[in-house]
Amino acid sequence: AVPERPDVVVHLHGFWGRGAAMGSDRDKLPNSGLDFADPANPANAGRSAPLLALLPRGNFYGGRTGMGYDFPALMAPGTLGQLIALALARFVAATGGGNVQAGRLVLTCHSGGGAALMRLLQQLDPDEVQCFDALYGPPTALIRWAEARLRGPAAQAGALRILYRAAEGT
């Protein structure tokens, strides 16, 4: 059966050593975490709720590292919502589903994708945030989001996961 309210995860990928030659499906999907499986035992799914995973390809700009990507097309208010609506419509068309609507919103990021996450958190209130070695800049927006999730009427079920590698500056 087609799920009526799948959770939607949007992963903001990081920089890439091959620069503009990066392919989302070939280079980023296998390491994005969007499979939500246990790395020690991939047969164990890490998530039981239906999930629609989106991996938007960032805009290559190079920058001082020559590997930089950003997500300017997602930064205008409402744009991420439009992307999610389009993905849900394509999901319905592909599966023959009926009235499918987005469930919980999960934002994940890796490396340079953390900068895009901080910008999106200024306009969005996702249900869950996961950062993989992605906090190279001040995490002010992430702290505000987490604090709002912990207090008062905004306190609600949510999750925050931050993974980092020692000596990486995150």
N, C-alpha and C. Protein backbone atom coordinates (compact mmCIF):
# COMPACT_ATOMS: atom_id res chain seq x y z
N ALA A 1 0.84 -1.19 0.00
CA ALA A 1 0.00 0.00 0.00
C ALA A 1 0.88 1.25 0.00
N VAL A 2 0.43 2.27 -0.65
CA VAL A 2 1.16 3.53 -0.71
C VAL A 2 0.91 4.30 0.58
N PRO A 3 1.96 4.74 1.27
CA PRO A 3 1.76 5.48 2.53
C PRO A 3 1.10 6.82 2.28
N GLU A 4 0.20 7.22 3.17
CA GLU A 4 -0.49 8.50 3.01
C GLU A 4 0.31 9.67 3.53
N ARG A 5 1.18 9.44 4.51
CA ARG A 5 1.97 10.52 5.10
C ARG A 5 3.42 10.08 5.33
N PRO A 6 4.19 9.91 4.27
CA PRO A 6 5.59 9.54 4.48
C PRO A 6 6.37 10.71 5.07
N ASP A 7 7.32 10.39 5.93
CA ASP A 7 8.25 11.43 6.36
C ASP A 7 9.05 11.85 5.14
N VAL A 8 9.47 13.10 5.11
CA VAL A 8 10.27 13.62 4.00
C VAL A 8 11.62 14.04 4.56
N VAL A 9 12.68 13.48 4.00
CA VAL A 9 14.03 13.88 4.40
C VAL A 9 14.69 14.57 3.21
N VAL A 10 15.33 15.69 3.49
CA VAL A 10 16.08 16.44 2.48
C VAL A 10 17.52 16.48 2.96
N HIS A 11 18.42 15.95 2.12
CA HIS A 11 19.84 15.91 2.48
C HIS A 11 20.60 16.98 1.69
N LEU A 12 21.33 17.81 2.40
CA LEU A 12 22.15 18.87 1.80
C LEU A 12 23.59 18.38 1.79
N HIS A 13 24.06 17.99 0.63
CA HIS A 13 25.39 17.40 0.52
C HIS A 13 26.48 18.46 0.68
N GLY A 14 27.67 17.98 0.87
CA GLY A 14 28.80 18.87 1.06
C GLY A 14 29.62 19.06 -0.19
N PHE A 15 30.82 19.53 0.01
CA PHE A 15 31.77 19.79 -1.08
C PHE A 15 32.18 18.46 -1.72
N TRP A 16 32.81 18.54 -2.88
CA TRP A 16 33.23 17.33 -3.56
C TRP A 16 34.53 17.56 -4.29
N GLY A 17 35.47 16.63 -4.13
CA GLY A 17 36.80 16.74 -4.71
C GLY A 17 36.85 16.79 -6.22
N ARG A 18 35.83 16.26 -6.88
CA ARG A 18 35.81 16.32 -8.35
C ARG A 18 35.11 17.57 -8.86
N GLY A 19 34.84 18.49 -7.97
CA GLY A 19 34.25 19.77 -8.37
C GLY A 19 32.94 19.60 -9.13
N ALA A 20 32.83 20.29 -10.26
CA ALA A 20 31.60 20.31 -11.03
C ALA A 20 31.24 18.95 -11.62
N ALA A 21 32.16 18.00 -11.63
CA ALA A 21 31.89 16.67 -12.19
C ALA A 21 31.11 15.77 -11.23
N MET A 22 30.78 16.27 -10.04
CA MET A 22 30.07 15.47 -9.05
C MET A 22 28.70 15.07 -9.59
N GLY A 23 28.33 13.81 -9.38
CA GLY A 23 27.00 13.31 -9.71
C GLY A 23 26.29 12.90 -8.43
N SER A 24 25.10 13.44 -8.18
CA SER A 24 24.38 13.15 -6.94
C SER A 24 24.16 11.66 -6.74
N ASP A 25 23.68 10.98 -7.78
CA ASP A 25 23.37 9.56 -7.62
C ASP A 25 24.62 8.71 -7.46
N ARG A 26 25.67 9.03 -8.17
CA ARG A 26 26.90 8.24 -8.15
C ARG A 26 27.79 8.59 -6.96
N ASP A 27 27.94 9.87 -6.69
CA ASP A 27 28.94 10.31 -5.71
C ASP A 27 28.37 10.62 -4.32
N LYS A 28 27.15 11.07 -4.23
CA LYS A 28 26.62 11.51 -2.94
C LYS A 28 25.62 10.54 -2.32
N LEU A 29 24.76 9.94 -3.11
CA LEU A 29 23.73 9.07 -2.55
C LEU A 29 24.30 7.92 -1.72
N PRO A 30 25.34 7.22 -2.17
CA PRO A 30 25.83 6.08 -1.39
C PRO A 30 26.34 6.45 0.00
N ASN A 31 26.73 7.70 0.21
CA ASN A 31 27.27 8.13 1.50
C ASN A 31 26.41 9.17 2.20
N SER A 32 25.18 9.35 1.74
CA SER A 32 24.34 10.41 2.28
C SER A 32 23.65 10.02 3.58
N GLY A 33 23.54 8.73 3.87
CA GLY A 33 22.78 8.30 5.04
C GLY A 33 21.30 8.18 4.76
N LEU A 34 20.87 8.44 3.51
CA LEU A 34 19.45 8.41 3.20
C LEU A 34 18.85 7.01 3.25
N ASP A 35 19.70 5.99 3.32
CA ASP A 35 19.15 4.64 3.46
C ASP A 35 18.74 4.37 4.91
N PHE A 36 19.20 5.18 5.85
CA PHE A 36 18.87 5.06 7.27
C PHE A 36 19.07 3.62 7.77
N ALA A 37 20.13 2.99 7.33
CA ALA A 37 20.45 1.64 7.76
C ALA A 37 21.55 1.68 8.81
N ASP A 38 21.66 0.62 9.56
CA ASP A 38 22.71 0.46 10.54
C ASP A 38 24.00 0.13 9.79
N PRO A 39 25.03 1.01 9.83
CA PRO A 39 26.25 0.73 9.07
C PRO A 39 26.92 -0.58 9.47
N ALA A 40 26.78 -0.97 10.73
CA ALA A 40 27.40 -2.21 11.18
C ALA A 40 26.64 -3.43 10.67
N ASN A 41 25.35 -3.27 10.40
CA ASN A 41 24.52 -4.36 9.89
C ASN A 41 23.47 -3.77 8.96
N PRO A 42 23.80 -3.53 7.69
CA PRO A 42 22.88 -2.87 6.76
C PRO A 42 21.54 -3.57 6.58
N ALA A 43 21.43 -4.82 6.96
CA ALA A 43 20.14 -5.51 6.86
C ALA A 43 19.13 -4.96 7.87
N ASN A 44 19.61 -4.29 8.92
CA ASN A 44 18.73 -3.69 9.92
C ASN A 44 18.42 -2.26 9.52
N ALA A 45 17.20 -2.03 9.12
CA ALA A 45 16.78 -0.67 8.77
C ALA A 45 16.78 0.18 10.04
N GLY A 46 17.23 1.40 9.93
CA GLY A 46 17.28 2.28 11.08
C GLY A 46 16.01 3.07 11.28
N ARG A 47 15.06 2.92 10.39
CA ARG A 47 13.84 3.72 10.45
C ARG A 47 12.69 2.84 9.96
N SER A 48 11.57 2.86 10.67
CA SER A 48 10.45 2.02 10.27
C SER A 48 9.34 2.80 9.58
N ALA A 49 9.28 4.11 9.78
CA ALA A 49 8.23 4.92 9.15
C ALA A 49 8.50 5.05 7.65
N PRO A 50 7.45 5.11 6.83
CA PRO A 50 7.65 5.35 5.39
C PRO A 50 8.40 6.66 5.19
N LEU A 51 9.27 6.68 4.19
CA LEU A 51 10.17 7.81 4.02
C LEU A 51 10.33 8.14 2.54
N LEU A 52 10.24 9.41 2.22
CA LEU A 52 10.55 9.90 0.88
C LEU A 52 11.82 10.73 1.01
N ALA A 53 12.91 10.28 0.40
CA ALA A 53 14.21 10.92 0.55
C ALA A 53 14.54 11.77 -0.67
N LEU A 54 14.94 13.01 -0.44
CA LEU A 54 15.29 13.94 -1.51
C LEU A 54 16.76 14.33 -1.38
N LEU A 55 17.47 14.27 -2.49
CA LEU A 55 18.88 14.63 -2.53
C LEU A 55 19.07 15.69 -3.62
N PRO A 56 18.74 16.95 -3.30
CA PRO A 56 18.93 17.99 -4.32
C PRO A 56 20.41 18.21 -4.61
N ARG A 57 20.73 18.37 -5.88
CA ARG A 57 22.12 18.63 -6.26
C ARG A 57 22.40 20.11 -6.05
N GLY A 58 23.44 20.38 -5.29
CA GLY A 58 23.81 21.76 -5.05
C GLY A 58 24.39 22.42 -6.30
N ASN A 59 24.61 23.72 -6.17
CA ASN A 59 25.20 24.53 -7.23
C ASN A 59 26.71 24.60 -7.00
N PHE A 60 27.47 24.16 -8.00
CA PHE A 60 28.93 24.21 -7.86
C PHE A 60 29.40 25.65 -8.03
N TYR A 61 30.15 26.14 -7.04
CA TYR A 61 30.74 27.48 -7.15
C TYR A 61 32.26 27.46 -6.97
N GLY A 62 32.80 26.34 -6.52
CA GLY A 62 34.25 26.22 -6.37
C GLY A 62 34.78 26.84 -5.09
N GLY A 63 34.84 28.17 -5.04
CA GLY A 63 35.35 28.85 -3.86
C GLY A 63 36.83 28.63 -3.65
N ARG A 64 37.30 28.96 -2.45
CA ARG A 64 38.74 28.86 -2.19
C ARG A 64 39.23 27.43 -2.17
N THR A 65 38.35 26.46 -1.92
CA THR A 65 38.77 25.06 -1.92
C THR A 65 38.70 24.45 -3.32
N GLY A 66 37.96 25.08 -4.22
CA GLY A 66 37.74 24.51 -5.54
C GLY A 66 36.74 23.37 -5.54
N MET A 67 36.10 23.13 -4.40
CA MET A 67 35.17 22.00 -4.27
C MET A 67 33.79 22.44 -3.78
N GLY A 68 33.55 23.74 -3.67
CA GLY A 68 32.36 24.24 -3.00
C GLY A 68 31.06 24.08 -3.75
N TYR A 69 30.03 23.74 -2.99
CA TYR A 69 28.65 23.67 -3.47
C TYR A 69 27.78 24.46 -2.50
N ASP A 70 26.75 25.10 -3.01
CA ASP A 70 25.75 25.73 -2.17
C ASP A 70 24.37 25.45 -2.76
N PHE A 71 23.34 25.98 -2.17
CA PHE A 71 21.97 25.66 -2.56
C PHE A 71 21.13 26.93 -2.71
N PRO A 72 21.53 27.86 -3.58
CA PRO A 72 20.79 29.12 -3.68
C PRO A 72 19.34 28.94 -4.12
N ALA A 73 19.06 27.91 -4.92
CA ALA A 73 17.70 27.70 -5.39
C ALA A 73 16.74 27.29 -4.28
N LEU A 74 17.26 26.83 -3.14
CA LEU A 74 16.41 26.41 -2.03
C LEU A 74 16.22 27.50 -0.98
N MET A 75 16.89 28.63 -1.13
CA MET A 75 16.90 29.61 -0.05
C MET A 75 15.73 30.59 -0.07
N ALA A 76 15.09 30.79 -1.19
CA ALA A 76 13.93 31.70 -1.23
C ALA A 76 12.80 31.08 -0.40
N PRO A 77 12.12 31.89 0.40
CA PRO A 77 11.03 31.34 1.22
C PRO A 77 10.02 30.56 0.37
N GLY A 78 9.66 29.39 0.85
CA GLY A 78 8.68 28.55 0.18
C GLY A 78 9.25 27.60 -0.86
N THR A 79 10.51 27.81 -1.26
CA THR A 79 11.08 27.00 -2.33
C THR A 79 11.25 25.54 -1.92
N LEU A 80 11.72 25.28 -0.72
CA LEU A 80 11.88 23.90 -0.28
C LEU A 80 10.51 23.22 -0.22
N GLY A 81 9.50 23.93 0.21
CA GLY A 81 8.14 23.39 0.21
C GLY A 81 7.67 23.04 -1.19
N GLN A 82 8.04 23.85 -2.17
CA GLN A 82 7.69 23.56 -3.56
C GLN A 82 8.41 22.31 -4.05
N LEU A 83 9.67 22.15 -3.67
CA LEU A 83 10.42 20.95 -4.05
C LEU A 83 9.77 19.71 -3.45
N ILE A 84 9.38 19.80 -2.20
CA ILE A 84 8.74 18.66 -1.54
C ILE A 84 7.41 18.34 -2.21
N ALA A 85 6.62 19.36 -2.54
CA ALA A 85 5.34 19.13 -3.22
C ALA A 85 5.55 18.45 -4.57
N LEU A 86 6.58 18.88 -5.31
CA LEU A 86 6.88 18.26 -6.60
C LEU A 86 7.29 16.80 -6.40
N ALA A 87 8.13 16.53 -5.41
CA ALA A 87 8.55 15.16 -5.15
C ALA A 87 7.36 14.28 -4.76
N LEU A 88 6.46 14.80 -3.95
CA LEU A 88 5.27 14.03 -3.57
C LEU A 88 4.39 13.75 -4.79
N ALA A 89 4.24 14.75 -5.66
CA ALA A 89 3.43 14.56 -6.87
C ALA A 89 4.06 13.48 -7.77
N ARG A 90 5.36 13.51 -7.90
CA ARG A 90 6.04 12.47 -8.71
C ARG A 90 5.94 11.10 -8.06
N PHE A 91 6.00 11.07 -6.74
CA PHE A 91 5.84 9.82 -6.01
C PHE A 91 4.45 9.24 -6.27
N VAL A 92 3.43 10.07 -6.17
CA VAL A 92 2.05 9.63 -6.42
C VAL A 92 1.90 9.13 -7.85
N ALA A 93 2.47 9.86 -8.82
CA ALA A 93 2.38 9.45 -10.22
C ALA A 93 3.08 8.11 -10.45
N ALA A 94 4.20 7.89 -9.78
CA ALA A 94 4.96 6.66 -9.98
C ALA A 94 4.34 5.45 -9.28
N THR A 95 3.63 5.69 -8.19
CA THR A 95 3.09 4.58 -7.40
C THR A 95 1.60 4.39 -7.56
N GLY A 96 0.93 5.37 -8.16
CA GLY A 96 -0.53 5.29 -8.26
C GLY A 96 -1.20 5.55 -6.94
N GLY A 97 -0.47 6.20 -6.03
CA GLY A 97 -1.01 6.52 -4.71
C GLY A 97 -2.13 7.54 -4.80
N GLY A 98 -2.84 7.68 -3.74
CA GLY A 98 -3.97 8.60 -3.69
C GLY A 98 -3.57 9.95 -3.11
N ASN A 99 -4.14 10.26 -1.98
CA ASN A 99 -3.92 11.55 -1.33
C ASN A 99 -2.70 11.46 -0.41
N VAL A 100 -1.52 11.62 -0.97
CA VAL A 100 -0.28 11.53 -0.21
C VAL A 100 0.17 12.93 0.19
N GLN A 101 0.42 13.10 1.48
CA GLN A 101 0.89 14.37 2.01
C GLN A 101 2.15 14.13 2.82
N ALA A 102 2.95 15.18 2.97
CA ALA A 102 4.19 15.06 3.73
C ALA A 102 3.91 14.83 5.20
N GLY A 103 4.67 13.93 5.77
CA GLY A 103 4.64 13.71 7.22
C GLY A 103 5.67 14.62 7.87
N ARG A 104 6.50 14.05 8.71
CA ARG A 104 7.54 14.81 9.40
C ARG A 104 8.61 15.26 8.41
N LEU A 105 9.19 16.42 8.66
CA LEU A 105 10.29 16.94 7.84
C LEU A 105 11.60 16.71 8.57
N VAL A 106 12.52 16.03 7.88
CA VAL A 106 13.85 15.74 8.42
C VAL A 106 14.87 16.41 7.50
N LEU A 107 15.72 17.25 8.06
CA LEU A 107 16.80 17.87 7.30
C LEU A 107 18.11 17.25 7.74
N THR A 108 18.90 16.78 6.78
CA THR A 108 20.22 16.26 7.08
C THR A 108 21.24 17.01 6.24
N CYS A 109 22.46 17.06 6.72
CA CYS A 109 23.51 17.75 5.97
C CYS A 109 24.85 17.11 6.27
N HIS A 110 25.75 17.28 5.30
CA HIS A 110 27.12 16.81 5.46
C HIS A 110 28.06 17.92 5.04
N SER A 111 29.13 18.09 5.77
CA SER A 111 30.21 19.00 5.41
C SER A 111 29.68 20.39 5.08
N GLY A 112 29.98 20.87 3.88
CA GLY A 112 29.56 22.21 3.46
C GLY A 112 28.06 22.41 3.40
N GLY A 113 27.28 21.32 3.43
CA GLY A 113 25.83 21.43 3.47
C GLY A 113 25.33 22.04 4.76
N GLY A 114 26.19 22.09 5.78
CA GLY A 114 25.81 22.70 7.05
C GLY A 114 25.50 24.18 6.92
N ALA A 115 26.21 24.89 6.04
CA ALA A 115 25.93 26.32 5.83
C ALA A 115 24.54 26.52 5.28
N ALA A 116 24.13 25.67 4.34
CA ALA A 116 22.77 25.76 3.79
C ALA A 116 21.73 25.43 4.85
N LEU A 117 22.03 24.44 5.70
CA LEU A 117 21.11 24.11 6.78
C LEU A 117 20.88 25.32 7.68
N MET A 118 21.95 26.02 8.05
CA MET A 118 21.80 27.18 8.94
C MET A 118 20.89 28.24 8.32
N ARG A 119 21.00 28.43 7.01
CA ARG A 119 20.13 29.40 6.33
C ARG A 119 18.68 28.92 6.30
N LEU A 120 18.48 27.63 6.04
CA LEU A 120 17.11 27.09 5.98
C LEU A 120 16.44 27.12 7.35
N LEU A 121 17.21 26.91 8.42
CA LEU A 121 16.63 26.92 9.76
C LEU A 121 16.13 28.30 10.16
N GLN A 122 16.51 29.33 9.44
CA GLN A 122 16.01 30.67 9.72
C GLN A 122 14.58 30.84 9.22
N GLN A 123 14.12 29.94 8.35
CA GLN A 123 12.77 30.06 7.80
C GLN A 123 11.92 28.81 7.99
N LEU A 124 12.54 27.69 8.40
CA LEU A 124 11.82 26.42 8.54
C LEU A 124 11.91 25.90 9.97
N ASP A 125 10.96 25.05 10.31
CA ASP A 125 10.96 24.38 11.61
C ASP A 125 10.82 22.88 11.37
N PRO A 126 11.92 22.21 10.98
CA PRO A 126 11.83 20.77 10.72
C PRO A 126 11.57 20.00 12.01
N ASP A 127 11.13 18.77 11.85
CA ASP A 127 10.88 17.90 13.00
C ASP A 127 12.16 17.25 13.52
N GLU A 128 13.14 17.15 12.63
CA GLU A 128 14.38 16.46 12.99
C GLU A 128 15.51 17.05 12.17
N VAL A 129 16.71 17.13 12.79
CA VAL A 129 17.90 17.63 12.11
C VAL A 129 19.05 16.67 12.40
N GLN A 130 19.80 16.36 11.36
CA GLN A 130 20.98 15.52 11.51
C GLN A 130 22.15 16.18 10.78
N CYS A 131 23.24 16.35 11.48
CA CYS A 131 24.45 16.99 10.92
C CYS A 131 25.60 16.00 10.97
N PHE A 132 26.21 15.76 9.81
CA PHE A 132 27.33 14.84 9.72
C PHE A 132 28.58 15.64 9.39
N ASP A 133 29.40 15.91 10.40
CA ASP A 133 30.64 16.65 10.18
C ASP A 133 30.36 17.92 9.38
N ALA A 134 29.38 18.71 9.84
CA ALA A 134 28.87 19.82 9.04
C ALA A 134 28.84 21.17 9.73
N LEU A 135 29.41 21.28 10.91
CA LEU A 135 29.29 22.54 11.65
C LEU A 135 30.61 23.31 11.63
N TYR A 136 30.98 23.78 10.46
CA TYR A 136 32.22 24.54 10.30
C TYR A 136 32.05 26.01 10.64
N GLY A 137 30.82 26.47 10.65
CA GLY A 137 30.54 27.86 10.99
C GLY A 137 29.72 27.92 12.27
N PRO A 138 29.39 29.12 12.72
CA PRO A 138 28.60 29.26 13.95
C PRO A 138 27.23 28.58 13.79
N PRO A 139 26.85 27.69 14.71
CA PRO A 139 25.57 26.99 14.60
C PRO A 139 24.42 27.74 15.28
N THR A 140 24.41 29.05 15.18
CA THR A 140 23.42 29.87 15.87
C THR A 140 22.00 29.46 15.55
N ALA A 141 21.67 29.28 14.28
CA ALA A 141 20.30 28.91 13.89
C ALA A 141 19.94 27.53 14.43
N LEU A 142 20.88 26.61 14.45
CA LEU A 142 20.63 25.27 14.97
C LEU A 142 20.38 25.31 16.47
N ILE A 143 21.14 26.13 17.19
CA ILE A 143 20.93 26.28 18.63
C ILE A 143 19.55 26.85 18.90
N ARG A 144 19.15 27.88 18.14
CA ARG A 144 17.81 28.47 18.32
C ARG A 144 16.73 27.42 18.08
N TRP A 145 16.90 26.63 16.99
CA TRP A 145 15.91 25.59 16.68
C TRP A 145 15.81 24.59 17.84
N ALA A 146 16.96 24.11 18.33
CA ALA A 146 16.97 23.13 19.41
C ALA A 146 16.35 23.70 20.68
N GLU A 147 16.68 24.93 21.03
CA GLU A 147 16.12 25.55 22.23
C GLU A 147 14.61 25.68 22.12
N ALA A 148 14.10 26.05 20.95
CA ALA A 148 12.65 26.18 20.76
C ALA A 148 11.96 24.83 20.89
N ARG A 149 12.64 23.76 20.48
CA ARG A 149 12.07 22.42 20.58
C ARG A 149 12.04 21.93 22.03
N LEU A 150 12.80 22.55 22.90
CA LEU A 150 12.90 22.08 24.28
C LEU A 150 12.02 22.83 25.26
N ARG A 151 11.41 23.93 24.85
CA ARG A 151 10.69 24.74 25.84
C ARG A 151 9.30 25.15 25.37
N GLY A 152 8.47 25.49 26.35
CA GLY A 152 7.17 26.09 26.14
C GLY A 152 6.28 25.38 25.14
N PRO A 153 5.38 26.18 24.53
CA PRO A 153 4.42 25.59 23.59
C PRO A 153 5.09 25.01 22.34
N ALA A 154 6.31 25.44 22.06
CA ALA A 154 7.01 24.90 20.89
C ALA A 154 7.62 23.53 21.16
N ALA A 155 7.63 23.13 22.44
CA ALA A 155 8.23 21.83 22.78
C ALA A 155 7.40 20.72 22.14
N GLN A 156 8.05 19.93 21.34
CA GLN A 156 7.37 18.85 20.64
C GLN A 156 8.36 17.74 20.36
N ALA A 157 7.83 16.65 19.91
CA ALA A 157 8.71 15.53 19.58
C ALA A 157 9.64 15.93 18.45
N GLY A 158 10.88 15.62 18.58
CA GLY A 158 11.85 15.94 17.56
C GLY A 158 13.15 15.22 17.87
N ALA A 159 14.10 15.40 17.02
CA ALA A 159 15.39 14.76 17.24
C ALA A 159 16.49 15.63 16.66
N LEU A 160 17.64 15.60 17.30
CA LEU A 160 18.83 16.29 16.82
C LEU A 160 19.98 15.32 16.95
N ARG A 161 20.68 15.10 15.85
CA ARG A 161 21.86 14.25 15.86
C ARG A 161 23.01 15.02 15.23
N ILE A 162 24.12 15.06 15.92
CA ILE A 162 25.31 15.71 15.39
C ILE A 162 26.46 14.73 15.50
N LEU A 163 27.02 14.38 14.37
CA LEU A 163 28.18 13.51 14.33
C LEU A 163 29.36 14.32 13.79
N TYR A 164 30.50 14.15 14.41
CA TYR A 164 31.67 14.89 13.95
C TYR A 164 32.89 14.00 14.04
N ARG A 165 33.91 14.41 13.34
CA ARG A 165 35.19 13.70 13.39
C ARG A 165 36.19 14.58 14.14
N ALA A 166 36.90 13.97 15.06
CA ALA A 166 37.89 14.71 15.83
C ALA A 166 38.90 15.35 14.89
N ALA A 167 39.40 16.51 15.27
CA ALA A 167 40.43 17.24 14.54
C ALA A 167 39.97 17.75 13.17
N GLU A 168 38.65 17.86 12.98
CA GLU A 168 38.12 18.38 11.71
C GLU A 168 37.67 19.83 11.81
N GLY A 169 37.60 20.37 13.00
CA GLY A 169 37.18 21.75 13.17
C GLY A 169 35.68 21.95 13.19
N THR A 170 34.93 20.86 13.33
CA THR A 170 33.46 20.99 13.38
C THR A 170 32.96 20.89 14.80
